C-alpha atoms as a PDB file:
ATOM      1  CA  MET A   1     149.281 102.019 -50.316  1.00  0.00           C
ATOM      2  CA  VAL A   2     152.556  99.748 -49.700  1.00  0.00           C
ATOM      3  CA  THR A   3     153.305  98.547 -46.258  1.00  0.00           C
ATOM      4  CA  GLN A   4     156.588  97.334 -46.351  1.00  0.00           C
ATOM      5  CA  TRP A   5     159.557  99.246 -45.264  1.00  0.00           C
ATOM      6  CA  ILE A   6     162.309  99.350 -47.822  1.00  0.00           C
ATOM      7  CA  ARG A   7     165.839 100.823 -47.024  1.00  0.00           C
ATOM      8  CA  HIS A   8     167.027 102.551 -50.058  1.00  0.00           C
ATOM      9  CA  ARG A   9     170.456 101.859 -51.327  1.00  0.00           C
ATOM     10  CA  LEU A  10     171.935 103.406 -54.317  1.00  0.00           C
ATOM     11  CA  GLY A  11     174.619 101.085 -55.866  1.00  0.00           C
ATOM     12  CA  SER A  12     176.922 103.445 -57.434  1.00  0.00           C
ATOM     13  CA  ARG A  13     179.249 105.627 -55.480  1.00  0.00           C
ATOM     14  CA  PHE A  14     179.808 107.713 -58.644  1.00  0.00           C
ATOM     15  CA  LEU A  15     175.942 107.826 -59.210  1.00  0.00           C
ATOM     16  CA  VAL A  16     175.456 109.226 -55.412  1.00  0.00           C
ATOM     17  CA  PHE A  17     178.213 111.722 -55.929  1.00  0.00           C
ATOM     18  CA  THR A  18     176.655 112.783 -59.285  1.00  0.00           C
ATOM     19  CA  VAL A  19     173.142 113.302 -57.877  1.00  0.00           C
ATOM     20  CA  VAL A  20     174.349 114.725 -54.324  1.00  0.00           C
ATOM     21  CA  LEU A  21     176.453 117.313 -56.161  1.00  0.00           C
ATOM     22  CA  SER A  22     173.698 118.088 -58.723  1.00  0.00           C
ATOM     23  CA  LEU A  23     171.285 118.989 -55.796  1.00  0.00           C
ATOM     24  CA  VAL A  24     173.720 120.759 -53.680  1.00  0.00           C
ATOM     25  CA  MET A  25     174.009 123.449 -56.878  1.00  0.00           C
ATOM     26  CA  VAL A  26     170.706 123.868 -56.757  1.00  0.00           C
ATOM     27  CA  LEU A  27     169.322 123.610 -53.391  1.00  0.00           C
ATOM     28  CA  PRO A  28     170.603 125.056 -50.214  1.00  0.00           C
ATOM     29  CA  LEU A  29     170.608 122.103 -48.231  1.00  0.00           C
ATOM     30  CA  GLN A  30     171.536 122.430 -44.230  1.00  0.00           C
ATOM     31  CA  ALA A  31     172.615 119.405 -41.818  1.00  0.00           C
ATOM     32  CA  SER A  32     169.375 117.845 -40.338  1.00  0.00           C
ATOM     33  CA  ALA A  33     169.176 117.803 -36.638  1.00  0.00           C
ATOM     34  CA  ALA A  34     167.104 114.461 -37.620  1.00  0.00           C
ATOM     35  CA  SER A  35     166.865 113.047 -41.229  1.00  0.00           C
ATOM     36  CA  SER A  36     166.068 109.889 -42.819  1.00  0.00           C
ATOM     37  CA  SER A  37     165.935 108.685 -46.242  1.00  0.00           C
ATOM     38  CA  THR A  38     164.288 104.954 -45.670  1.00  0.00           C
ATOM     39  CA  ALA A  39     160.896 104.446 -46.920  1.00  0.00           C
ATOM     40  CA  TYR A  40     158.115 104.822 -45.073  1.00  0.00           C
ATOM     41  CA  ASP A  41     160.304 106.281 -41.874  1.00  0.00           C
ATOM     42  CA  LYS A  42     158.763 108.755 -39.644  1.00  0.00           C
ATOM     43  CA  LEU A  43     160.474 111.889 -38.121  1.00  0.00           C
ATOM     44  CA  ASN A  44     157.474 112.715 -34.744  1.00  0.00           C
ATOM     45  CA  PHE A  45     157.475 116.092 -33.373  1.00  0.00           C
ATOM     46  CA  ALA A  46     155.356 118.684 -31.601  1.00  0.00           C
ATOM     47  CA  ASN A  47     155.076 115.983 -28.675  1.00  0.00           C
ATOM     48  CA  ASN A  48     154.058 113.414 -31.448  1.00  0.00           C
ATOM     49  CA  LYS A  49     151.204 114.989 -32.603  1.00  0.00           C
ATOM     50  CA  TYR A  50     152.388 115.336 -35.939  1.00  0.00           C
ATOM     51  CA  TYR A  51     155.400 113.404 -38.016  1.00  0.00           C
ATOM     52  CA  VAL A  52     157.360 114.228 -41.468  1.00  0.00           C
ATOM     53  CA  PHE A  53     156.473 110.907 -43.390  1.00  0.00           C
ATOM     54  CA  ASN A  54     158.835 109.599 -45.870  1.00  0.00           C
ATOM     55  CA  ASN A  55     155.806 108.314 -48.169  1.00  0.00           C
ATOM     56  CA  VAL A  56     157.108 106.577 -51.557  1.00  0.00           C
ATOM     57  CA  TRP A  57     153.985 104.634 -52.277  1.00  0.00           C
ATOM     58  CA  GLY A  58     154.481 104.669 -55.960  1.00  0.00           C
ATOM     59  CA  GLN A  59     158.150 103.416 -56.280  1.00  0.00           C
ATOM     60  CA  ASP A  60     157.704 100.426 -57.877  1.00  0.00           C
ATOM     61  CA  THR A  61     157.262 102.187 -61.049  1.00  0.00           C
ATOM     62  CA  VAL A  62     160.597 104.087 -61.187  1.00  0.00           C
ATOM     63  CA  GLN A  63     164.142 102.766 -60.706  1.00  0.00           C
ATOM     64  CA  GLY A  64     167.058 105.193 -59.336  1.00  0.00           C
ATOM     65  CA  TRP A  65     165.203 107.157 -57.007  1.00  0.00           C
ATOM     66  CA  TRP A  66     165.868 108.463 -53.633  1.00  0.00           C
ATOM     67  CA  GLN A  67     163.823 111.056 -51.261  1.00  0.00           C
ATOM     68  CA  THR A  68     165.296 112.246 -47.483  1.00  0.00           C
ATOM     69  CA  VAL A  69     163.049 113.981 -44.810  1.00  0.00           C
ATOM     70  CA  TYR A  70     164.347 116.022 -42.255  1.00  0.00           C
ATOM     71  CA  HIS A  71     163.518 117.853 -39.098  1.00  0.00           C
ATOM     72  CA  ASN A  72     165.408 120.438 -37.797  1.00  0.00           C
ATOM     73  CA  SER A  73     163.226 122.321 -35.780  1.00  0.00           C
ATOM     74  CA  ASP A  74     159.022 122.728 -36.093  1.00  0.00           C
ATOM     75  CA  THR A  75     159.768 126.157 -38.413  1.00  0.00           C
ATOM     76  CA  ASP A  76     162.560 124.308 -40.524  1.00  0.00           C
ATOM     77  CA  LEU A  77     161.814 121.078 -41.822  1.00  0.00           C
ATOM     78  CA  GLY A  78     160.454 119.258 -45.163  1.00  0.00           C
ATOM     79  CA  TRP A  79     161.955 117.150 -47.534  1.00  0.00           C
ATOM     80  CA  VAL A  80     164.329 116.516 -50.685  1.00  0.00           C
ATOM     81  CA  TRP A  81     163.758 114.043 -53.588  1.00  0.00           C
ATOM     82  CA  HIS A  82     164.862 112.647 -56.579  1.00  0.00           C
ATOM     83  CA  TRP A  83     162.326 111.066 -59.050  1.00  0.00           C
ATOM     84  CA  PRO A  84     163.819 110.286 -62.318  1.00  0.00           C
ATOM     85  CA  SER A  85     160.457 109.993 -64.274  1.00  0.00           C
ATOM     86  CA  THR A  86     158.227 111.661 -66.923  1.00  0.00           C
ATOM     87  CA  THR A  87     155.338 109.333 -66.728  1.00  0.00           C
ATOM     88  CA  SER A  88     151.939 110.770 -65.535  1.00  0.00           C
ATOM     89  CA  SER A  89     151.572 108.830 -62.241  1.00  0.00           C
ATOM     90  CA  VAL A  90     152.304 109.771 -58.601  1.00  0.00           C
ATOM     91  CA  LYS A  91     155.567 108.269 -57.302  1.00  0.00           C
ATOM     92  CA  ALA A  92     155.512 109.803 -53.672  1.00  0.00           C
ATOM     93  CA  TYR A  93     153.755 111.737 -51.143  1.00  0.00           C
ATOM     94  CA  PRO A  94     156.059 112.789 -48.218  1.00  0.00           C
ATOM     95  CA  SER A  95     154.061 114.661 -45.833  1.00  0.00           C
ATOM     96  CA  LEU A  96     153.422 116.542 -42.676  1.00  0.00           C
ATOM     97  CA  VAL A  97     150.853 113.953 -40.918  1.00  0.00           C
ATOM     98  CA  SER A  98     148.026 115.007 -37.949  1.00  0.00           C
ATOM     99  CA  GLY A  99     145.712 111.878 -37.292  1.00  0.00           C
ATOM    100  CA  TRP A 100     145.460 108.859 -39.051  1.00  0.00           C
ATOM    101  CA  HIS A 101     147.486 107.292 -41.855  1.00  0.00           C
ATOM    102  CA  TRP A 102     147.192 103.805 -42.779  1.00  0.00           C
ATOM    103  CA  THR A 103     148.035 103.183 -39.211  1.00  0.00           C
ATOM    104  CA  GLU A 104     146.781 101.598 -35.928  1.00  0.00           C
ATOM    105  CA  GLY A 105     145.185 104.689 -34.279  1.00  0.00           C
ATOM    106  CA  TYR A 106     146.040 108.355 -34.367  1.00  0.00           C
ATOM    107  CA  THR A 107     148.553 110.991 -33.332  1.00  0.00           C
ATOM    108  CA  PRO A 108     148.260 111.942 -29.747  1.00  0.00           C
ATOM    109  CA  GLY A 109     146.470 114.953 -29.145  1.00  0.00           C
ATOM    110  CA  SER A 110     145.198 115.605 -32.659  1.00  0.00           C
ATOM    111  CA  GLY A 111     141.596 116.143 -32.064  1.00  0.00           C
ATOM    112  CA  PHE A 112     141.065 113.299 -34.812  1.00  0.00           C
ATOM    113  CA  PRO A 113     138.686 111.490 -35.677  1.00  0.00           C
ATOM    114  CA  THR A 114     136.035 114.154 -35.436  1.00  0.00           C
ATOM    115  CA  ARG A 115     132.325 113.429 -36.796  1.00  0.00           C
ATOM    116  CA  LEU A 116     131.166 115.633 -39.122  1.00  0.00           C
ATOM    117  CA  SER A 117     128.021 116.160 -37.634  1.00  0.00           C
ATOM    118  CA  ASP A 118     129.824 117.356 -34.401  1.00  0.00           C
ATOM    119  CA  ASN A 119     130.382 120.517 -36.609  1.00  0.00           C
ATOM    120  CA  LYS A 120     133.710 121.449 -35.588  1.00  0.00           C
ATOM    121  CA  ASN A 121     136.087 123.768 -37.100  1.00  0.00           C
ATOM    122  CA  ILE A 122     139.428 122.216 -38.385  1.00  0.00           C
ATOM    123  CA  ASN A 123     141.511 125.168 -38.501  1.00  0.00           C
ATOM    124  CA  THR A 124     144.909 124.852 -40.247  1.00  0.00           C
ATOM    125  CA  ASN A 125     147.970 126.924 -41.335  1.00  0.00           C
ATOM    126  CA  VAL A 126     151.038 126.188 -43.552  1.00  0.00           C
ATOM    127  CA  ALA A 127     153.843 127.599 -45.040  1.00  0.00           C
ATOM    128  CA  TYR A 128     156.565 126.901 -47.430  1.00  0.00           C
ATOM    129  CA  SER A 129     158.953 127.300 -50.171  1.00  0.00           C
ATOM    130  CA  ILE A 130     160.080 125.239 -52.962  1.00  0.00           C
ATOM    131  CA  LYS A 131     162.696 124.616 -55.285  1.00  0.00           C
ATOM    132  CA  ALA A 132     161.994 121.938 -57.868  1.00  0.00           C
ATOM    133  CA  ASP A 133     161.832 121.042 -61.315  1.00  0.00           C
ATOM    134  CA  GLY A 134     159.443 118.296 -63.007  1.00  0.00           C
ATOM    135  CA  THR A 135     155.990 117.412 -62.064  1.00  0.00           C
ATOM    136  CA  TYR A 136     154.400 117.950 -58.585  1.00  0.00           C
ATOM    137  CA  ASN A 137     151.942 119.686 -56.220  1.00  0.00           C
ATOM    138  CA  ALA A 138     151.809 120.783 -52.832  1.00  0.00           C
ATOM    139  CA  ALA A 139     148.203 119.891 -51.354  1.00  0.00           C
ATOM    140  CA  TYR A 140     146.463 118.816 -48.234  1.00  0.00           C
ATOM    141  CA  ASP A 141     145.374 115.287 -48.213  1.00  0.00           C
ATOM    142  CA  ILE A 142     142.437 114.447 -45.657  1.00  0.00           C
ATOM    143  CA  TRP A 143     141.236 110.820 -45.096  1.00  0.00           C
ATOM    144  CA  PHE A 144     137.486 110.053 -43.990  1.00  0.00           C
ATOM    145  CA  HIS A 145     135.889 106.923 -42.607  1.00  0.00           C
ATOM    146  CA  ASN A 146     132.646 105.424 -41.462  1.00  0.00           C
ATOM    147  CA  THR A 147     134.696 104.628 -38.082  1.00  0.00           C
ATOM    148  CA  ASN A 148     135.894 106.508 -35.497  1.00  0.00           C
ATOM    149  CA  LYS A 149     138.386 103.291 -34.914  1.00  0.00           C
ATOM    150  CA  ALA A 150     140.144 103.349 -38.286  1.00  0.00           C
ATOM    151  CA  SER A 151     143.178 100.909 -38.258  1.00  0.00           C
ATOM    152  CA  TRP A 152     146.018 100.068 -40.932  1.00  0.00           C
ATOM    153  CA  ASP A 153     143.434  98.135 -42.877  1.00  0.00           C
ATOM    154  CA  SER A 154     140.393 100.581 -42.635  1.00  0.00           C
ATOM    155  CA  THR A 155     139.680 101.364 -46.229  1.00  0.00           C
ATOM    156  CA  PRO A 156     138.621 105.074 -46.325  1.00  0.00           C
ATOM    157  CA  THR A 157     135.252 106.306 -47.849  1.00  0.00           C
ATOM    158  CA  ASP A 158     136.570 109.885 -49.066  1.00  0.00           C
ATOM    159  CA  GLU A 159     139.576 111.708 -49.749  1.00  0.00           C
ATOM    160  CA  VAL A 160     139.585 115.357 -50.074  1.00  0.00           C
ATOM    161  CA  MET A 161     142.561 117.213 -51.623  1.00  0.00           C
ATOM    162  CA  ILE A 162     143.160 120.825 -51.492  1.00  0.00           C
ATOM    163  CA  TRP A 163     146.191 121.849 -53.859  1.00  0.00           C
ATOM    164  CA  LEU A 164     147.859 125.086 -53.185  1.00  0.00           C
ATOM    165  CA  ASN A 165     150.599 124.719 -55.430  1.00  0.00           C
ATOM    166  CA  ASN A 166     150.042 122.792 -59.131  1.00  0.00           C
ATOM    167  CA  THR A 167     153.138 122.533 -61.230  1.00  0.00           C
ATOM    168  CA  ASN A 168     152.759 120.219 -64.542  1.00  0.00           C
ATOM    169  CA  ALA A 169     150.171 118.141 -62.604  1.00  0.00           C
ATOM    170  CA  GLY A 170     146.584 117.474 -62.710  1.00  0.00           C
ATOM    171  CA  PRO A 171     144.212 116.345 -60.377  1.00  0.00           C
ATOM    172  CA  LEU A 172     141.851 112.832 -60.215  1.00  0.00           C
ATOM    173  CA  GLY A 173     138.409 112.763 -61.701  1.00  0.00           C
ATOM    174  CA  SER A 174     136.510 115.102 -63.786  1.00  0.00           C
ATOM    175  CA  TYR A 175     136.767 119.067 -63.584  1.00  0.00           C
ATOM    176  CA  VAL A 176     132.906 120.074 -62.029  1.00  0.00           C
ATOM    177  CA  GLU A 177     132.984 124.039 -61.261  1.00  0.00           C
ATOM    178  CA  THR A 178     135.048 126.746 -60.027  1.00  0.00           C
ATOM    179  CA  VAL A 179     133.841 127.887 -56.329  1.00  0.00           C
ATOM    180  CA  THR A 180     135.052 130.370 -53.627  1.00  0.00           C
ATOM    181  CA  ILE A 181     135.852 129.077 -50.680  1.00  0.00           C
ATOM    182  CA  GLY A 182     137.452 130.710 -47.705  1.00  0.00           C
ATOM    183  CA  GLY A 183     137.986 133.939 -49.875  1.00  0.00           C
ATOM    184  CA  SER A 184     139.736 131.939 -52.317  1.00  0.00           C
ATOM    185  CA  SER A 185     138.733 130.442 -55.904  1.00  0.00           C
ATOM    186  CA  TRP A 186     139.262 126.843 -56.401  1.00  0.00           C
ATOM    187  CA  LYS A 187     138.426 124.229 -59.474  1.00  0.00           C
ATOM    188  CA  VAL A 188     136.589 121.328 -58.441  1.00  0.00           C
ATOM    189  CA  HIS A 189     137.205 118.008 -59.357  1.00  0.00           C
ATOM    190  CA  LYS A 190     135.345 114.678 -58.509  1.00  0.00           C
ATOM    191  CA  GLY A 191     136.489 111.197 -59.212  1.00  0.00           C
ATOM    192  CA  TRP A 192     136.685 107.633 -57.973  1.00  0.00           C
ATOM    193  CA  LEU A 193     140.108 105.512 -56.797  1.00  0.00           C
ATOM    194  CA  ASP A 194     139.788 102.053 -57.488  1.00  0.00           C
ATOM    195  CA  ALA A 195     142.010 100.408 -54.786  1.00  0.00           C
ATOM    196  CA  GLY A 196     141.813  96.963 -56.262  1.00  0.00           C
ATOM    197  CA  ASN A 197     139.865  94.121 -54.848  1.00  0.00           C
ATOM    198  CA  GLY A 198     136.581  95.576 -54.941  1.00  0.00           C
ATOM    199  CA  LYS A 199     137.460  98.478 -52.590  1.00  0.00           C
ATOM    200  CA  GLY A 200     138.243 102.251 -53.595  1.00  0.00           C
ATOM    201  CA  TRP A 201     137.084 105.672 -52.377  1.00  0.00           C
ATOM    202  CA  ASN A 202     135.866 109.223 -53.603  1.00  0.00           C
ATOM    203  CA  VAL A 203     138.218 111.724 -54.279  1.00  0.00           C
ATOM    204  CA  PHE A 204     137.497 115.385 -54.098  1.00  0.00           C
ATOM    205  CA  SER A 205     140.201 117.783 -55.340  1.00  0.00           C
ATOM    206  CA  PHE A 206     140.202 121.628 -55.055  1.00  0.00           C
ATOM    207  CA  VAL A 207     142.750 123.226 -57.040  1.00  0.00           C
ATOM    208  CA  ARG A 208     143.263 126.782 -56.713  1.00  0.00           C
ATOM    209  CA  THR A 209     143.300 128.868 -59.589  1.00  0.00           C
ATOM    210  CA  SER A 210     146.569 130.487 -58.499  1.00  0.00           C
ATOM    211  CA  ASN A 211     149.646 128.880 -56.840  1.00  0.00           C
ATOM    212  CA  VAL A 212     150.446 130.520 -53.205  1.00  0.00           C
ATOM    213  CA  SER A 213     153.042 129.186 -50.760  1.00  0.00           C
ATOM    214  CA  SER A 214     151.124 129.598 -47.487  1.00  0.00           C
ATOM    215  CA  ALA A 215     147.335 129.429 -46.347  1.00  0.00           C
ATOM    216  CA  SER A 216     145.275 129.739 -43.476  1.00  0.00           C
ATOM    217  CA  LEU A 217     142.231 127.406 -43.843  1.00  0.00           C
ATOM    218  CA  ASN A 218     139.070 125.801 -42.281  1.00  0.00           C
ATOM    219  CA  VAL A 219     138.664 122.366 -43.685  1.00  0.00           C
ATOM    220  CA  LYS A 220     135.141 122.870 -42.412  1.00  0.00           C
ATOM    221  CA  ASN A 221     134.574 125.100 -45.050  1.00  0.00           C
ATOM    222  CA  PHE A 222     135.310 122.913 -47.919  1.00  0.00           C
ATOM    223  CA  THR A 223     133.519 119.797 -46.340  1.00  0.00           C
ATOM    224  CA  ASP A 224     130.228 121.783 -45.653  1.00  0.00           C
ATOM    225  CA  TYR A 225     130.348 122.515 -49.676  1.00  0.00           C
ATOM    226  CA  LEU A 226     130.718 118.539 -49.881  1.00  0.00           C
ATOM    227  CA  VAL A 227     127.662 118.199 -47.700  1.00  0.00           C
ATOM    228  CA  ASN A 228     125.624 120.792 -47.680  1.00  0.00           C
ATOM    229  CA  SER A 229     125.785 122.329 -51.351  1.00  0.00           C
ATOM    230  CA  LYS A 230     126.491 119.074 -53.350  1.00  0.00           C
ATOM    231  CA  LYS A 231     125.335 116.196 -51.227  1.00  0.00           C
ATOM    232  CA  TRP A 232     128.083 114.267 -52.164  1.00  0.00           C
ATOM    233  CA  MET A 233     129.316 113.410 -48.480  1.00  0.00           C
ATOM    234  CA  ALA A 234     127.032 112.163 -45.613  1.00  0.00           C
ATOM    235  CA  ASN A 235     127.457 114.292 -42.312  1.00  0.00           C
ATOM    236  CA  THR A 236     128.055 110.992 -40.657  1.00  0.00           C
ATOM    237  CA  LYS A 237     131.357 110.384 -41.917  1.00  0.00           C
ATOM    238  CA  TYR A 238     134.492 110.917 -39.484  1.00  0.00           C
ATOM    239  CA  VAL A 239     137.494 113.189 -40.525  1.00  0.00           C
ATOM    240  CA  SER A 240     140.352 110.478 -39.376  1.00  0.00           C
ATOM    241  CA  SER A 241     143.252 113.112 -40.478  1.00  0.00           C
ATOM    242  CA  VAL A 242     144.850 115.901 -42.308  1.00  0.00           C
ATOM    243  CA  GLU A 243     148.137 115.838 -44.161  1.00  0.00           C
ATOM    244  CA  PHE A 244     150.097 118.031 -46.036  1.00  0.00           C
ATOM    245  CA  GLY A 245     152.849 117.469 -48.932  1.00  0.00           C
ATOM    246  CA  THR A 246     153.959 116.797 -52.392  1.00  0.00           C
ATOM    247  CA  GLU A 247     152.276 114.498 -54.890  1.00  0.00           C
ATOM    248  CA  ILE A 248     155.709 113.707 -56.880  1.00  0.00           C
ATOM    249  CA  PHE A 249     155.243 112.634 -60.506  1.00  0.00           C
ATOM    250  CA  GLY A 250     159.168 113.247 -61.665  1.00  0.00           C
ATOM    251  CA  GLY A 251     161.832 115.466 -61.197  1.00  0.00           C
ATOM    252  CA  ASP A 252     163.928 116.807 -58.486  1.00  0.00           C
ATOM    253  CA  GLY A 253     163.382 119.183 -55.862  1.00  0.00           C
ATOM    254  CA  GLN A 254     163.080 120.336 -52.101  1.00  0.00           C
ATOM    255  CA  ILE A 255     160.176 121.800 -49.996  1.00  0.00           C
ATOM    256  CA  ASN A 256     160.845 123.616 -46.689  1.00  0.00           C
ATOM    257  CA  PHE A 257     158.168 124.567 -43.986  1.00  0.00           C
ATOM    258  CA  SER A 258     158.384 127.369 -41.757  1.00  0.00           C
ATOM    259  CA  LYS A 259     154.834 126.932 -40.351  1.00  0.00           C
ATOM    260  CA  TRP A 260     152.239 123.556 -40.029  1.00  0.00           C
ATOM    261  CA  ASN A 261     149.707 123.544 -37.497  1.00  0.00           C
ATOM    262  CA  VAL A 262     146.204 121.894 -37.148  1.00  0.00           C
ATOM    263  CA  ALA A 263     143.421 122.763 -34.705  1.00  0.00           C
ATOM    264  CA  VAL A 264     140.153 120.791 -34.106  1.00  0.00           C
ATOM    265  CA  GLN A 265     137.917 122.857 -31.989  1.00  0.00           C
END
């Protein structure tokens, strides 16, 4: 992950006008109570239990991009993006975060970390609308460690993604099987992410067989499948965080959330 902070600037006033005008014509943007176009900026909400994260970790592969996160209220928040690229690599994952994300510690009141062997439910609800073109998904991203004190330099052991929307995109790894979890059908993919310098982690992706714009899930149902059914993950692992965001490969768009919560119980 990229750790530096970069303030994005477009060098041409004409380009700014053209891009903004194009988005206004396509997307119904509203004035924001809080917003930021600064890379890796965070907008905290719900007593700091969550934050909107302007994650642009793949920015080095494309020029002329911009991305803005906003929070008008806890039922009106999201981000807008412009990524002029048609390549198959992820450029950004702006997201809603509960817990850890390559940072020191965990968001307060999140209930993370929690050990899988503690057998706790991790219930989460999300509802959103998307207006976009290009290639992207809308997906949960859930991180796991061997420690309950993950910091900014703690390499995860596992990553679970739960895709609710797949628009022209594809998950890392190979297809394994299609399963029913939580009353819905999911295509399971298993892969390995090579982070370099001998580091990396398992990536397990559950891609819903049909796109939806809302969900009520218990993450435990997915980890039980990985731990008990497939034996791919040990129950000694700690769940460090739950996020929901859009992996953006290229294009223009906006996602707006009307519901988001995570409860460890």
